[in-house]
Amino acid sequence: MKRNIFPILTIILFVFIVGVAIFRMIYQVRVSSDQIITQEVLQLVEIFERIDKKCKIIDFDYQKNRIDFLTVKKDGFVSSELGSMNLTYPDQWEGPYVNDNPTIQGKHYLIVRTKKGYFITPGEGVALASGKVVGKDIKLDEDADIPALMADPEGLQFKGRALAAPLPVGMSSAQEVLLENIMRADDSLVSYRES
């Protein structure tokens, strides 16, 4: 009986060690993904702020918009729409802004429109270190409270750092541009009438 117990204990110990190694590997991948997400979200915010400063982003076509258009070259499109993004001054586009559109776990980042504004988030299907999956456990619909999720360690936060970011563009900047154009038109109309 003692002869049979040592091989069985060896097998159990081996299976346990392999199981722990696999668990740690999966957890480390998720932790690494979350660290990458925090960095790339900040880079994306900077890129979109530059785009908005030059081109004035009006809005995005859908409630969830894939960020898959940052590699488009200057003069690489013919309308005011680039991917799902609508621009006021498309001729000011300075792309490409990146060599490859950023992805995490094979999924494109998203620009999500909610009642609280636009946000850059990881794509649907991305597994976070918390064990939650974006789009499944963390809903990104119109009613999503992304600012609250950014403050929640079980949501879109990792070690005190947000895995999403607000994108301060949209109707307010479009309204500014529209107002500027109306004022310019009024000025030119006034100067035309005076002459």
C-alpha atoms as a PDB file:
ATOM      1  CA  MET A   1       0.000   0.000   0.000  1.00  0.00           C
ATOM      2  CA  LYS A   2       2.875   2.394   0.781  1.00  0.00           C
ATOM      3  CA  ARG A   3       4.275   1.757  -2.685  1.00  0.00           C
ATOM      4  CA  ASN A   4       1.067   2.954  -4.349  1.00  0.00           C
ATOM      5  CA  ILE A   5       0.708   6.091  -2.232  1.00  0.00           C
ATOM      6  CA  PHE A   6       3.976   7.775  -3.349  1.00  0.00           C
ATOM      7  CA  PRO A   7       3.155   7.763  -7.097  1.00  0.00           C
ATOM      8  CA  ILE A   8      -0.357   9.029  -6.353  1.00  0.00           C
ATOM      9  CA  LEU A   9       0.983  11.847  -4.128  1.00  0.00           C
ATOM     10  CA  THR A  10       3.566  12.729  -6.792  1.00  0.00           C
ATOM     11  CA  ILE A  11       0.851  12.964  -9.445  1.00  0.00           C
ATOM     12  CA  ILE A  12      -1.377  15.078  -7.181  1.00  0.00           C
ATOM     13  CA  LEU A  13       1.540  17.411  -6.362  1.00  0.00           C
ATOM     14  CA  PHE A  14       2.443  17.707 -10.075  1.00  0.00           C
ATOM     15  CA  VAL A  15      -1.170  18.528 -11.061  1.00  0.00           C
ATOM     16  CA  PHE A  16      -1.370  21.100  -8.244  1.00  0.00           C
ATOM     17  CA  ILE A  17       1.867  22.826  -9.336  1.00  0.00           C
ATOM     18  CA  VAL A  18       0.754  22.907 -12.996  1.00  0.00           C
ATOM     19  CA  GLY A  19      -2.650  24.305 -11.943  1.00  0.00           C
ATOM     20  CA  VAL A  20      -1.034  27.066  -9.860  1.00  0.00           C
ATOM     21  CA  ALA A  21       1.326  27.934 -12.740  1.00  0.00           C
ATOM     22  CA  ILE A  22      -1.552  28.192 -15.225  1.00  0.00           C
ATOM     23  CA  PHE A  23      -3.619  30.308 -12.813  1.00  0.00           C
ATOM     24  CA  ARG A  24      -0.703  32.690 -12.193  1.00  0.00           C
ATOM     25  CA  MET A  25       0.006  32.972 -15.914  1.00  0.00           C
ATOM     26  CA  ILE A  26      -3.628  33.879 -16.705  1.00  0.00           C
ATOM     27  CA  TYR A  27      -3.733  36.395 -13.836  1.00  0.00           C
ATOM     28  CA  GLN A  28      -0.426  37.992 -14.925  1.00  0.00           C
ATOM     29  CA  VAL A  29      -1.735  38.382 -18.485  1.00  0.00           C
ATOM     30  CA  ARG A  30      -4.827  40.182 -17.168  1.00  0.00           C
ATOM     31  CA  VAL A  31      -2.732  42.431 -14.920  1.00  0.00           C
ATOM     32  CA  SER A  32      -0.411  43.241 -17.822  1.00  0.00           C
ATOM     33  CA  SER A  33      -3.427  43.986 -20.022  1.00  0.00           C
ATOM     34  CA  ASP A  34      -4.831  46.411 -17.447  1.00  0.00           C
ATOM     35  CA  GLN A  35      -1.485  48.219 -17.212  1.00  0.00           C
ATOM     36  CA  ILE A  36      -1.348  48.522 -21.006  1.00  0.00           C
ATOM     37  CA  ILE A  37      -4.963  49.761 -21.115  1.00  0.00           C
ATOM     38  CA  THR A  38      -4.251  52.596 -18.659  1.00  0.00           C
ATOM     39  CA  GLN A  39      -1.315  53.779 -20.787  1.00  0.00           C
ATOM     40  CA  GLU A  40      -3.033  53.447 -24.156  1.00  0.00           C
ATOM     41  CA  VAL A  41      -6.230  55.175 -23.009  1.00  0.00           C
ATOM     42  CA  LEU A  42      -4.178  58.204 -21.955  1.00  0.00           C
ATOM     43  CA  GLN A  43      -2.369  58.209 -25.324  1.00  0.00           C
ATOM     44  CA  LEU A  44      -5.707  58.012 -27.147  1.00  0.00           C
ATOM     45  CA  VAL A  45      -7.085  60.962 -25.159  1.00  0.00           C
ATOM     46  CA  GLU A  46      -4.046  63.040 -26.184  1.00  0.00           C
ATOM     47  CA  ILE A  47      -4.487  62.058 -29.838  1.00  0.00           C
ATOM     48  CA  PHE A  48      -8.191  62.959 -29.844  1.00  0.00           C
ATOM     49  CA  GLU A  49      -7.493  66.269 -28.104  1.00  0.00           C
ATOM     50  CA  ARG A  50      -5.008  67.097 -30.899  1.00  0.00           C
ATOM     51  CA  ILE A  51      -7.541  66.058 -33.529  1.00  0.00           C
ATOM     52  CA  ASP A  52     -10.285  68.121 -31.873  1.00  0.00           C
ATOM     53  CA  LYS A  53      -8.009  71.155 -31.578  1.00  0.00           C
ATOM     54  CA  LYS A  54      -7.216  71.076 -35.313  1.00  0.00           C
ATOM     55  CA  CYS A  55     -10.292  69.499 -36.905  1.00  0.00           C
ATOM     56  CA  LYS A  56     -13.095  70.131 -34.347  1.00  0.00           C
ATOM     57  CA  ILE A  57     -14.791  66.788 -33.775  1.00  0.00           C
ATOM     58  CA  ILE A  58     -18.545  67.196 -34.158  1.00  0.00           C
ATOM     59  CA  ASP A  59     -19.657  63.756 -32.993  1.00  0.00           C
ATOM     60  CA  PHE A  60     -19.517  60.029 -33.715  1.00  0.00           C
ATOM     61  CA  ASP A  61     -22.059  58.047 -35.730  1.00  0.00           C
ATOM     62  CA  TYR A  62     -22.856  55.268 -33.275  1.00  0.00           C
ATOM     63  CA  GLN A  63     -23.306  54.712 -29.567  1.00  0.00           C
ATOM     64  CA  LYS A  64     -20.201  52.457 -29.628  1.00  0.00           C
ATOM     65  CA  ASN A  65     -17.515  53.415 -32.157  1.00  0.00           C
ATOM     66  CA  ARG A  66     -14.398  51.363 -32.869  1.00  0.00           C
ATOM     67  CA  ILE A  67     -11.176  53.371 -32.907  1.00  0.00           C
ATOM     68  CA  ASP A  68      -9.856  51.977 -36.176  1.00  0.00           C
ATOM     69  CA  PHE A  69      -9.214  55.108 -38.237  1.00  0.00           C
ATOM     70  CA  LEU A  70      -6.136  56.754 -36.707  1.00  0.00           C
ATOM     71  CA  THR A  71      -3.838  55.314 -39.408  1.00  0.00           C
ATOM     72  CA  VAL A  72      -5.544  57.280 -42.204  1.00  0.00           C
ATOM     73  CA  LYS A  73      -3.078  59.586 -43.958  1.00  0.00           C
ATOM     74  CA  LYS A  74      -3.587  63.257 -44.587  1.00  0.00           C
ATOM     75  CA  ASP A  75      -5.690  63.610 -47.740  1.00  0.00           C
ATOM     76  CA  GLY A  76      -6.603  59.910 -47.363  1.00  0.00           C
ATOM     77  CA  PHE A  77     -10.350  60.593 -47.318  1.00  0.00           C
ATOM     78  CA  VAL A  78     -12.719  62.878 -49.189  1.00  0.00           C
ATOM     79  CA  SER A  79     -15.550  63.854 -46.847  1.00  0.00           C
ATOM     80  CA  SER A  80     -15.982  65.277 -43.376  1.00  0.00           C
ATOM     81  CA  GLU A  81     -16.486  61.753 -42.020  1.00  0.00           C
ATOM     82  CA  LEU A  82     -13.516  59.638 -41.043  1.00  0.00           C
ATOM     83  CA  GLY A  83     -14.527  56.189 -39.894  1.00  0.00           C
ATOM     84  CA  SER A  84     -17.394  56.925 -37.520  1.00  0.00           C
ATOM     85  CA  MET A  85     -16.030  60.364 -36.564  1.00  0.00           C
ATOM     86  CA  ASN A  86     -17.483  63.555 -38.053  1.00  0.00           C
ATOM     87  CA  LEU A  87     -15.155  66.539 -38.396  1.00  0.00           C
ATOM     88  CA  THR A  88     -15.797  70.227 -38.980  1.00  0.00           C
ATOM     89  CA  TYR A  89     -12.422  70.883 -40.628  1.00  0.00           C
ATOM     90  CA  PRO A  90     -11.325  67.608 -42.265  1.00  0.00           C
ATOM     91  CA  ASP A  91      -8.679  69.435 -44.309  1.00  0.00           C
ATOM     92  CA  GLN A  92      -6.784  70.036 -41.031  1.00  0.00           C
ATOM     93  CA  TRP A  93      -6.296  66.270 -40.466  1.00  0.00           C
ATOM     94  CA  GLU A  94      -2.618  65.514 -39.723  1.00  0.00           C
ATOM     95  CA  GLY A  95      -2.780  61.700 -39.816  1.00  0.00           C
ATOM     96  CA  PRO A  96      -1.626  59.106 -39.510  1.00  0.00           C
ATOM     97  CA  TYR A  97      -1.560  59.565 -35.742  1.00  0.00           C
ATOM     98  CA  VAL A  98      -0.367  55.992 -35.087  1.00  0.00           C
ATOM     99  CA  ASN A  99       1.298  53.263 -37.162  1.00  0.00           C
ATOM    100  CA  ASP A 100      -1.210  50.626 -36.043  1.00  0.00           C
ATOM    101  CA  ASN A 101      -4.632  51.228 -34.532  1.00  0.00           C
ATOM    102  CA  PRO A 102      -4.313  50.236 -30.870  1.00  0.00           C
ATOM    103  CA  THR A 103      -5.952  47.014 -29.722  1.00  0.00           C
ATOM    104  CA  ILE A 104      -5.949  45.014 -26.512  1.00  0.00           C
ATOM    105  CA  GLN A 105      -6.536  41.255 -26.509  1.00  0.00           C
ATOM    106  CA  GLY A 106      -7.280  41.564 -30.226  1.00  0.00           C
ATOM    107  CA  LYS A 107     -10.119  44.068 -29.656  1.00  0.00           C
ATOM    108  CA  HIS A 108     -10.198  47.707 -30.792  1.00  0.00           C
ATOM    109  CA  TYR A 109     -10.695  50.421 -28.191  1.00  0.00           C
ATOM    110  CA  LEU A 110     -14.075  52.125 -28.282  1.00  0.00           C
ATOM    111  CA  ILE A 111     -15.487  55.607 -28.103  1.00  0.00           C
ATOM    112  CA  VAL A 112     -18.729  55.163 -26.186  1.00  0.00           C
ATOM    113  CA  ARG A 113     -21.517  57.745 -26.093  1.00  0.00           C
ATOM    114  CA  THR A 114     -23.525  57.836 -22.868  1.00  0.00           C
ATOM    115  CA  LYS A 115     -25.875  60.349 -21.293  1.00  0.00           C
ATOM    116  CA  LYS A 116     -22.791  61.698 -19.478  1.00  0.00           C
ATOM    117  CA  GLY A 117     -20.754  62.274 -22.649  1.00  0.00           C
ATOM    118  CA  TYR A 118     -18.155  60.438 -24.712  1.00  0.00           C
ATOM    119  CA  PHE A 119     -15.603  58.036 -23.206  1.00  0.00           C
ATOM    120  CA  ILE A 120     -12.666  55.994 -24.471  1.00  0.00           C
ATOM    121  CA  THR A 121     -12.934  52.430 -23.159  1.00  0.00           C
ATOM    122  CA  PRO A 122     -11.417  49.002 -23.833  1.00  0.00           C
ATOM    123  CA  GLY A 123     -13.303  47.071 -26.492  1.00  0.00           C
ATOM    124  CA  GLU A 124     -16.123  44.654 -25.824  1.00  0.00           C
ATOM    125  CA  GLY A 125     -14.832  41.209 -24.934  1.00  0.00           C
ATOM    126  CA  VAL A 126     -11.687  42.420 -23.144  1.00  0.00           C
ATOM    127  CA  ALA A 127     -11.103  40.500 -19.900  1.00  0.00           C
ATOM    128  CA  LEU A 128      -9.906  42.686 -17.026  1.00  0.00           C
ATOM    129  CA  ALA A 129      -7.767  41.679 -14.030  1.00  0.00           C
ATOM    130  CA  SER A 130     -10.880  41.911 -11.844  1.00  0.00           C
ATOM    131  CA  GLY A 131     -12.286  38.964 -13.794  1.00  0.00           C
ATOM    132  CA  LYS A 132     -14.949  41.137 -15.422  1.00  0.00           C
ATOM    133  CA  VAL A 133     -15.428  41.205 -19.191  1.00  0.00           C
ATOM    134  CA  VAL A 134     -16.173  44.514 -20.933  1.00  0.00           C
ATOM    135  CA  GLY A 135     -19.531  44.380 -22.684  1.00  0.00           C
ATOM    136  CA  LYS A 136     -20.677  41.329 -20.722  1.00  0.00           C
ATOM    137  CA  ASP A 137     -20.154  42.138 -17.037  1.00  0.00           C
ATOM    138  CA  ILE A 138     -19.489  45.846 -17.619  1.00  0.00           C
ATOM    139  CA  LYS A 139     -22.230  47.200 -19.873  1.00  0.00           C
ATOM    140  CA  LEU A 140     -21.397  50.074 -22.207  1.00  0.00           C
ATOM    141  CA  ASP A 141     -24.868  51.202 -23.191  1.00  0.00           C
ATOM    142  CA  GLU A 142     -26.331  54.711 -23.328  1.00  0.00           C
ATOM    143  CA  ASP A 143     -27.199  54.566 -19.609  1.00  0.00           C
ATOM    144  CA  ALA A 144     -23.754  53.358 -18.461  1.00  0.00           C
ATOM    145  CA  ASP A 145     -22.280  55.437 -15.634  1.00  0.00           C
ATOM    146  CA  ILE A 146     -18.696  55.263 -16.862  1.00  0.00           C
ATOM    147  CA  PRO A 147     -17.383  57.872 -14.375  1.00  0.00           C
ATOM    148  CA  ALA A 148     -18.658  55.656 -11.526  1.00  0.00           C
ATOM    149  CA  LEU A 149     -17.135  52.566 -13.196  1.00  0.00           C
ATOM    150  CA  MET A 150     -13.803  54.418 -13.471  1.00  0.00           C
ATOM    151  CA  ALA A 151     -13.850  54.850  -9.671  1.00  0.00           C
ATOM    152  CA  ASP A 152     -14.832  51.217  -8.995  1.00  0.00           C
ATOM    153  CA  PRO A 153     -12.026  48.598  -8.601  1.00  0.00           C
ATOM    154  CA  GLU A 154     -14.560  45.998  -9.778  1.00  0.00           C
ATOM    155  CA  GLY A 155     -15.374  48.178 -12.787  1.00  0.00           C
ATOM    156  CA  LEU A 156     -13.042  50.161 -15.011  1.00  0.00           C
ATOM    157  CA  GLN A 157     -10.255  50.779 -12.511  1.00  0.00           C
ATOM    158  CA  PHE A 158      -6.987  48.980 -11.821  1.00  0.00           C
ATOM    159  CA  LYS A 159      -4.848  49.813  -8.789  1.00  0.00           C
ATOM    160  CA  GLY A 160      -6.269  53.324  -8.547  1.00  0.00           C
ATOM    161  CA  ARG A 161      -5.881  54.062 -12.272  1.00  0.00           C
ATOM    162  CA  ALA A 162      -8.849  54.361 -14.622  1.00  0.00           C
ATOM    163  CA  LEU A 163      -9.202  51.975 -17.558  1.00  0.00           C
ATOM    164  CA  ALA A 164     -11.364  54.528 -19.397  1.00  0.00           C
ATOM    165  CA  ALA A 165     -11.287  58.288 -19.899  1.00  0.00           C
ATOM    166  CA  PRO A 166     -13.740  61.042 -20.767  1.00  0.00           C
ATOM    167  CA  LEU A 167     -13.419  62.534 -24.221  1.00  0.00           C
ATOM    168  CA  PRO A 168     -14.391  66.221 -24.038  1.00  0.00           C
ATOM    169  CA  VAL A 169     -15.665  66.602 -27.599  1.00  0.00           C
ATOM    170  CA  GLY A 170     -18.984  66.565 -29.336  1.00  0.00           C
ATOM    171  CA  MET A 171     -21.885  68.896 -29.534  1.00  0.00           C
ATOM    172  CA  SER A 172     -20.398  71.612 -27.362  1.00  0.00           C
ATOM    173  CA  SER A 173     -17.431  72.074 -29.678  1.00  0.00           C
ATOM    174  CA  ALA A 174     -19.700  71.826 -32.719  1.00  0.00           C
ATOM    175  CA  GLN A 175     -21.938  74.489 -31.264  1.00  0.00           C
ATOM    176  CA  GLU A 176     -18.864  76.686 -30.691  1.00  0.00           C
ATOM    177  CA  VAL A 177     -17.828  76.323 -34.338  1.00  0.00           C
ATOM    178  CA  LEU A 178     -21.361  76.950 -35.540  1.00  0.00           C
ATOM    179  CA  LEU A 179     -21.534  80.070 -33.409  1.00  0.00           C
ATOM    180  CA  GLU A 180     -18.135  81.235 -34.739  1.00  0.00           C
ATOM    181  CA  ASN A 181     -19.318  80.739 -38.331  1.00  0.00           C
ATOM    182  CA  ILE A 182     -22.584  82.572 -37.651  1.00  0.00           C
ATOM    183  CA  MET A 183     -20.681  85.478 -36.106  1.00  0.00           C
ATOM    184  CA  ARG A 184     -18.272  85.580 -39.070  1.00  0.00           C
ATOM    185  CA  ALA A 185     -21.200  85.534 -41.479  1.00  0.00           C
ATOM    186  CA  ASP A 186     -22.853  88.349 -39.528  1.00  0.00           C
ATOM    187  CA  ASP A 187     -19.626  90.382 -39.613  1.00  0.00           C
ATOM    188  CA  SER A 188     -19.255  89.906 -43.353  1.00  0.00           C
ATOM    189  CA  LEU A 189     -22.934  90.720 -43.832  1.00  0.00           C
ATOM    190  CA  VAL A 190     -22.566  93.915 -41.763  1.00  0.00           C
ATOM    191  CA  SER A 191     -19.452  94.965 -43.685  1.00  0.00           C
ATOM    192  CA  TYR A 192     -21.218  94.189 -46.994  1.00  0.00           C
ATOM    193  CA  ARG A 193     -24.200  96.359 -46.032  1.00  0.00           C
ATOM    194  CA  GLU A 194     -21.951  99.230 -44.951  1.00  0.00           C
ATOM    195  CA  SER A 195     -20.111  99.319 -48.273  1.00  0.00           C
END
